Amino acid sequence: MAEHETLSRTTGATVLTLVVVACAAGLADALRRRVRLRRRARPNAGAEPAVAHTHTHHGGPTIPRQRATGPSAETVRLTEAERDAFAVLVRRLAEGD
C-alpha cells in the first residue's frame, strides 16, 4: 500500500467495487429470467397458437401484492362532555390561541 493511501480509503473502494459487482450480477439475473419467461411464453412453430393472456408478467415477483382490504378502522365512542371539550380544542387550534 502506498503512503498516500489510507486503510479506510482502500476499504471503501473495495466495498464500493463489491456493491457494483453485486448489482451487476442481480441485473444480469433479472434480465436472464425475463428472457427465459418470454421464450417460455412464445408458442412453438407449427403448433396451435396460445390463447392471448390479458395480463403479461414482467419479471419475477419482487414486491408482494397489496391486500385487497386495508386495516379495520378504529372508532371510539365519546360522551357529550368529551365531544364538547374536543370541539373547544379544535376551535382554539383553528384560531391560533
N, C-alpha and C. Protein backbone atom coordinates (compact mmCIF):
# COMPACT_ATOMS: atom_id res chain seq x y z
N MET A 1 0.85 -1.16 0.00
CA MET A 1 0.00 0.00 0.00
C MET A 1 0.90 1.24 0.00
N ALA A 2 0.58 2.19 -0.87
CA ALA A 2 1.38 3.41 -0.98
C ALA A 2 1.14 4.31 0.23
N GLU A 3 2.04 5.30 0.39
CA GLU A 3 1.95 6.20 1.54
C GLU A 3 0.66 7.02 1.56
N HIS A 4 0.22 7.48 0.40
CA HIS A 4 -0.93 8.37 0.34
C HIS A 4 -2.27 7.63 0.43
N GLU A 5 -2.25 6.31 0.41
CA GLU A 5 -3.48 5.54 0.51
C GLU A 5 -3.70 5.13 1.96
N THR A 6 -4.87 5.47 2.49
CA THR A 6 -5.19 5.08 3.86
C THR A 6 -5.99 3.79 3.85
N LEU A 7 -6.07 3.17 5.00
CA LEU A 7 -6.82 1.92 5.12
C LEU A 7 -8.30 2.13 4.83
N SER A 8 -8.87 3.24 5.32
CA SER A 8 -10.30 3.49 5.10
C SER A 8 -10.59 3.75 3.62
N ARG A 9 -9.67 4.41 2.94
CA ARG A 9 -9.87 4.67 1.51
C ARG A 9 -9.83 3.37 0.71
N THR A 10 -8.90 2.51 1.03
CA THR A 10 -8.80 1.22 0.34
C THR A 10 -10.01 0.35 0.64
N THR A 11 -10.44 0.33 1.91
CA THR A 11 -11.61 -0.46 2.29
C THR A 11 -12.86 0.08 1.60
N GLY A 12 -13.01 1.39 1.54
CA GLY A 12 -14.16 1.99 0.87
C GLY A 12 -14.21 1.64 -0.60
N ALA A 13 -13.08 1.70 -1.26
CA ALA A 13 -13.04 1.34 -2.68
C ALA A 13 -13.38 -0.12 -2.89
N THR A 14 -12.91 -0.98 -1.99
CA THR A 14 -13.20 -2.41 -2.09
C THR A 14 -14.70 -2.67 -1.90
N VAL A 15 -15.29 -2.04 -0.89
CA VAL A 15 -16.72 -2.22 -0.62
C VAL A 15 -17.54 -1.70 -1.80
N LEU A 16 -17.18 -0.55 -2.33
CA LEU A 16 -17.90 0.01 -3.47
C LEU A 16 -17.81 -0.91 -4.69
N THR A 17 -16.65 -1.48 -4.91
CA THR A 17 -16.48 -2.42 -6.03
C THR A 17 -17.36 -3.65 -5.84
N LEU A 18 -17.40 -4.17 -4.62
CA LEU A 18 -18.24 -5.35 -4.35
C LEU A 18 -19.72 -5.04 -4.54
N VAL A 19 -20.16 -3.86 -4.15
CA VAL A 19 -21.56 -3.47 -4.34
C VAL A 19 -21.89 -3.37 -5.82
N VAL A 20 -20.99 -2.79 -6.60
CA VAL A 20 -21.23 -2.67 -8.04
C VAL A 20 -21.30 -4.05 -8.69
N VAL A 21 -20.42 -4.96 -8.30
CA VAL A 21 -20.45 -6.31 -8.85
C VAL A 21 -21.74 -7.02 -8.47
N ALA A 22 -22.19 -6.86 -7.22
CA ALA A 22 -23.45 -7.50 -6.79
C ALA A 22 -24.64 -6.93 -7.56
N CYS A 23 -24.67 -5.62 -7.78
CA CYS A 23 -25.77 -5.02 -8.55
C CYS A 23 -25.76 -5.50 -9.99
N ALA A 24 -24.58 -5.59 -10.58
CA ALA A 24 -24.49 -6.07 -11.96
C ALA A 24 -24.94 -7.52 -12.07
N ALA A 25 -24.57 -8.35 -11.08
CA ALA A 25 -25.00 -9.75 -11.09
C ALA A 25 -26.50 -9.85 -10.93
N GLY A 26 -27.08 -9.05 -10.05
CA GLY A 26 -28.53 -9.05 -9.87
C GLY A 26 -29.27 -8.61 -11.12
N LEU A 27 -28.75 -7.58 -11.78
CA LEU A 27 -29.37 -7.11 -13.02
C LEU A 27 -29.27 -8.16 -14.12
N ALA A 28 -28.12 -8.80 -14.23
CA ALA A 28 -27.96 -9.85 -15.24
C ALA A 28 -28.92 -11.00 -14.98
N ASP A 29 -29.08 -11.38 -13.72
CA ASP A 29 -30.00 -12.46 -13.37
C ASP A 29 -31.45 -12.09 -13.71
N ALA A 30 -31.83 -10.86 -13.40
CA ALA A 30 -33.20 -10.42 -13.70
C ALA A 30 -33.45 -10.41 -15.20
N LEU A 31 -32.47 -9.96 -15.98
CA LEU A 31 -32.64 -9.95 -17.44
C LEU A 31 -32.70 -11.37 -17.99
N ARG A 32 -31.88 -12.29 -17.44
CA ARG A 32 -31.94 -13.68 -17.89
C ARG A 32 -33.30 -14.30 -17.60
N ARG A 33 -33.85 -14.02 -16.42
CA ARG A 33 -35.19 -14.54 -16.08
C ARG A 33 -36.24 -14.00 -17.04
N ARG A 34 -36.14 -12.74 -17.37
CA ARG A 34 -37.12 -12.12 -18.27
C ARG A 34 -37.08 -12.77 -19.65
N VAL A 35 -35.87 -13.01 -20.15
CA VAL A 35 -35.72 -13.65 -21.46
C VAL A 35 -36.28 -15.07 -21.40
N ARG A 36 -35.98 -15.79 -20.31
CA ARG A 36 -36.48 -17.15 -20.16
C ARG A 36 -38.00 -17.17 -20.13
N LEU A 37 -38.62 -16.22 -19.45
CA LEU A 37 -40.08 -16.16 -19.38
C LEU A 37 -40.68 -15.85 -20.75
N ARG A 38 -40.03 -14.96 -21.49
CA ARG A 38 -40.54 -14.63 -22.84
C ARG A 38 -40.45 -15.83 -23.76
N ARG A 39 -39.34 -16.57 -23.68
CA ARG A 39 -39.21 -17.76 -24.53
C ARG A 39 -40.24 -18.81 -24.18
N ARG A 40 -40.50 -18.95 -22.89
CA ARG A 40 -41.49 -19.93 -22.45
C ARG A 40 -42.90 -19.53 -22.89
N ALA A 41 -43.16 -18.24 -23.00
CA ALA A 41 -44.49 -17.76 -23.36
C ALA A 41 -44.76 -17.85 -24.85
N ARG A 42 -43.70 -17.91 -25.67
CA ARG A 42 -43.89 -18.00 -27.13
C ARG A 42 -44.42 -19.37 -27.53
N PRO A 43 -45.39 -19.40 -28.44
CA PRO A 43 -45.85 -20.70 -28.93
C PRO A 43 -44.81 -21.30 -29.88
N ASN A 44 -44.73 -22.62 -29.90
CA ASN A 44 -43.80 -23.30 -30.80
C ASN A 44 -44.24 -23.15 -32.25
N ALA A 45 -43.28 -23.19 -33.17
CA ALA A 45 -43.60 -23.06 -34.59
C ALA A 45 -44.44 -24.26 -35.04
N GLY A 46 -45.52 -24.00 -35.72
CA GLY A 46 -46.38 -25.07 -36.23
C GLY A 46 -47.40 -25.57 -35.22
N ALA A 47 -47.30 -25.17 -34.02
CA ALA A 47 -48.24 -25.62 -33.01
C ALA A 47 -49.45 -24.68 -32.98
N GLU A 48 -50.47 -25.09 -32.27
CA GLU A 48 -51.65 -24.25 -32.13
C GLU A 48 -51.26 -22.96 -31.43
N PRO A 49 -51.74 -21.81 -31.89
CA PRO A 49 -51.40 -20.57 -31.19
C PRO A 49 -52.04 -20.55 -29.80
N ALA A 50 -51.29 -20.05 -28.87
CA ALA A 50 -51.76 -19.98 -27.49
C ALA A 50 -52.81 -18.88 -27.36
N VAL A 51 -53.69 -19.04 -26.39
CA VAL A 51 -54.71 -18.03 -26.14
C VAL A 51 -54.01 -16.82 -25.53
N ALA A 52 -54.34 -15.64 -26.03
CA ALA A 52 -53.71 -14.41 -25.54
C ALA A 52 -54.15 -14.16 -24.09
N HIS A 53 -53.20 -13.84 -23.27
CA HIS A 53 -53.49 -13.53 -21.87
C HIS A 53 -53.81 -12.05 -21.75
N THR A 54 -54.64 -11.71 -20.80
CA THR A 54 -54.96 -10.31 -20.60
C THR A 54 -53.88 -9.59 -19.81
N HIS A 55 -53.06 -10.34 -19.08
CA HIS A 55 -52.00 -9.73 -18.28
C HIS A 55 -50.68 -10.41 -18.61
N THR A 56 -49.64 -9.62 -18.84
CA THR A 56 -48.33 -10.19 -19.07
C THR A 56 -47.48 -10.00 -17.83
N HIS A 57 -46.70 -10.99 -17.52
CA HIS A 57 -45.86 -10.97 -16.33
C HIS A 57 -44.53 -10.30 -16.68
N HIS A 58 -44.14 -9.29 -15.95
CA HIS A 58 -42.91 -8.55 -16.23
C HIS A 58 -41.87 -8.85 -15.16
N GLY A 59 -41.19 -9.95 -15.27
CA GLY A 59 -40.13 -10.27 -14.32
C GLY A 59 -40.65 -11.08 -13.15
N GLY A 60 -39.76 -11.34 -12.22
CA GLY A 60 -40.10 -12.16 -11.07
C GLY A 60 -40.87 -11.39 -10.02
N PRO A 61 -41.52 -12.11 -9.13
CA PRO A 61 -42.29 -11.46 -8.07
C PRO A 61 -41.36 -10.88 -7.01
N THR A 62 -41.06 -9.60 -7.09
CA THR A 62 -40.14 -9.00 -6.13
C THR A 62 -40.87 -8.25 -5.03
N ILE A 63 -42.01 -7.67 -5.33
CA ILE A 63 -42.77 -6.93 -4.34
C ILE A 63 -44.09 -7.66 -4.13
N PRO A 64 -44.44 -7.97 -2.88
CA PRO A 64 -45.70 -8.68 -2.66
C PRO A 64 -46.90 -7.81 -3.03
N ARG A 65 -47.96 -8.46 -3.47
CA ARG A 65 -49.17 -7.74 -3.83
C ARG A 65 -49.79 -7.10 -2.61
N GLN A 66 -50.51 -5.99 -2.83
CA GLN A 66 -51.19 -5.33 -1.73
C GLN A 66 -52.43 -6.12 -1.35
N ARG A 67 -52.79 -6.02 -0.10
CA ARG A 67 -54.02 -6.69 0.34
C ARG A 67 -55.21 -5.99 -0.27
N ALA A 68 -56.26 -6.74 -0.52
CA ALA A 68 -57.45 -6.17 -1.12
C ALA A 68 -58.16 -5.22 -0.16
N THR A 69 -58.06 -5.50 1.12
CA THR A 69 -58.71 -4.65 2.10
C THR A 69 -57.66 -4.07 3.03
N GLY A 70 -57.91 -2.88 3.51
CA GLY A 70 -56.99 -2.25 4.44
C GLY A 70 -57.28 -2.66 5.86
N PRO A 71 -56.56 -2.11 6.79
CA PRO A 71 -56.82 -2.45 8.20
C PRO A 71 -58.18 -1.90 8.62
N SER A 72 -58.75 -2.53 9.59
CA SER A 72 -60.07 -2.08 10.05
C SER A 72 -59.94 -0.72 10.72
N ALA A 73 -60.95 0.12 10.54
CA ALA A 73 -60.93 1.46 11.12
C ALA A 73 -61.25 1.37 12.61
N GLU A 74 -60.53 2.17 13.38
CA GLU A 74 -60.78 2.18 14.81
C GLU A 74 -61.75 3.31 15.15
N THR A 75 -62.68 3.03 16.01
CA THR A 75 -63.63 4.05 16.44
C THR A 75 -63.67 4.08 17.95
N VAL A 76 -63.89 5.27 18.46
CA VAL A 76 -64.01 5.46 19.91
C VAL A 76 -65.29 6.23 20.16
N ARG A 77 -66.11 5.74 21.05
CA ARG A 77 -67.35 6.43 21.39
C ARG A 77 -67.05 7.49 22.45
N LEU A 78 -67.46 8.73 22.16
CA LEU A 78 -67.23 9.84 23.09
C LEU A 78 -68.53 10.23 23.77
N THR A 79 -68.39 10.67 25.00
CA THR A 79 -69.55 11.20 25.71
C THR A 79 -69.80 12.62 25.23
N GLU A 80 -70.92 13.20 25.59
CA GLU A 80 -71.25 14.57 25.20
C GLU A 80 -70.20 15.55 25.72
N ALA A 81 -69.76 15.36 26.96
CA ALA A 81 -68.76 16.25 27.56
C ALA A 81 -67.44 16.17 26.79
N GLU A 82 -67.06 14.96 26.37
CA GLU A 82 -65.82 14.80 25.61
C GLU A 82 -65.94 15.44 24.23
N ARG A 83 -67.10 15.29 23.60
CA ARG A 83 -67.32 15.92 22.30
C ARG A 83 -67.22 17.44 22.40
N ASP A 84 -67.83 18.01 23.44
CA ASP A 84 -67.78 19.46 23.64
C ASP A 84 -66.35 19.92 23.88
N ALA A 85 -65.62 19.19 24.71
CA ALA A 85 -64.23 19.55 25.00
C ALA A 85 -63.38 19.47 23.73
N PHE A 86 -63.62 18.46 22.91
CA PHE A 86 -62.89 18.33 21.66
C PHE A 86 -63.22 19.48 20.71
N ALA A 87 -64.49 19.86 20.64
CA ALA A 87 -64.89 20.97 19.78
C ALA A 87 -64.22 22.27 20.23
N VAL A 88 -64.13 22.49 21.55
CA VAL A 88 -63.45 23.68 22.07
C VAL A 88 -61.97 23.64 21.69
N LEU A 89 -61.34 22.49 21.81
CA LEU A 89 -59.93 22.36 21.45
C LEU A 89 -59.70 22.64 19.98
N VAL A 90 -60.56 22.12 19.13
CA VAL A 90 -60.42 22.36 17.69
C VAL A 90 -60.58 23.84 17.37
N ARG A 91 -61.55 24.48 18.02
CA ARG A 91 -61.75 25.93 17.80
C ARG A 91 -60.52 26.73 18.22
N ARG A 92 -59.93 26.37 19.37
CA ARG A 92 -58.74 27.09 19.85
C ARG A 92 -57.58 26.90 18.88
N LEU A 93 -57.40 25.69 18.40
CA LEU A 93 -56.31 25.45 17.47
C LEU A 93 -56.53 26.16 16.14
N ALA A 94 -57.77 26.24 15.71
CA ALA A 94 -58.09 26.91 14.44
C ALA A 94 -57.86 28.42 14.56
N GLU A 95 -58.12 28.98 15.72
CA GLU A 95 -57.94 30.42 15.93
C GLU A 95 -56.49 30.77 16.17
N GLY A 96 -55.68 29.82 16.58
CA GLY A 96 -54.27 30.08 16.83
C GLY A 96 -53.97 30.59 18.21
N ASP A 97 -54.87 30.44 19.16
CA ASP A 97 -54.64 30.92 20.54
C ASP A 97 -53.83 29.93 21.32
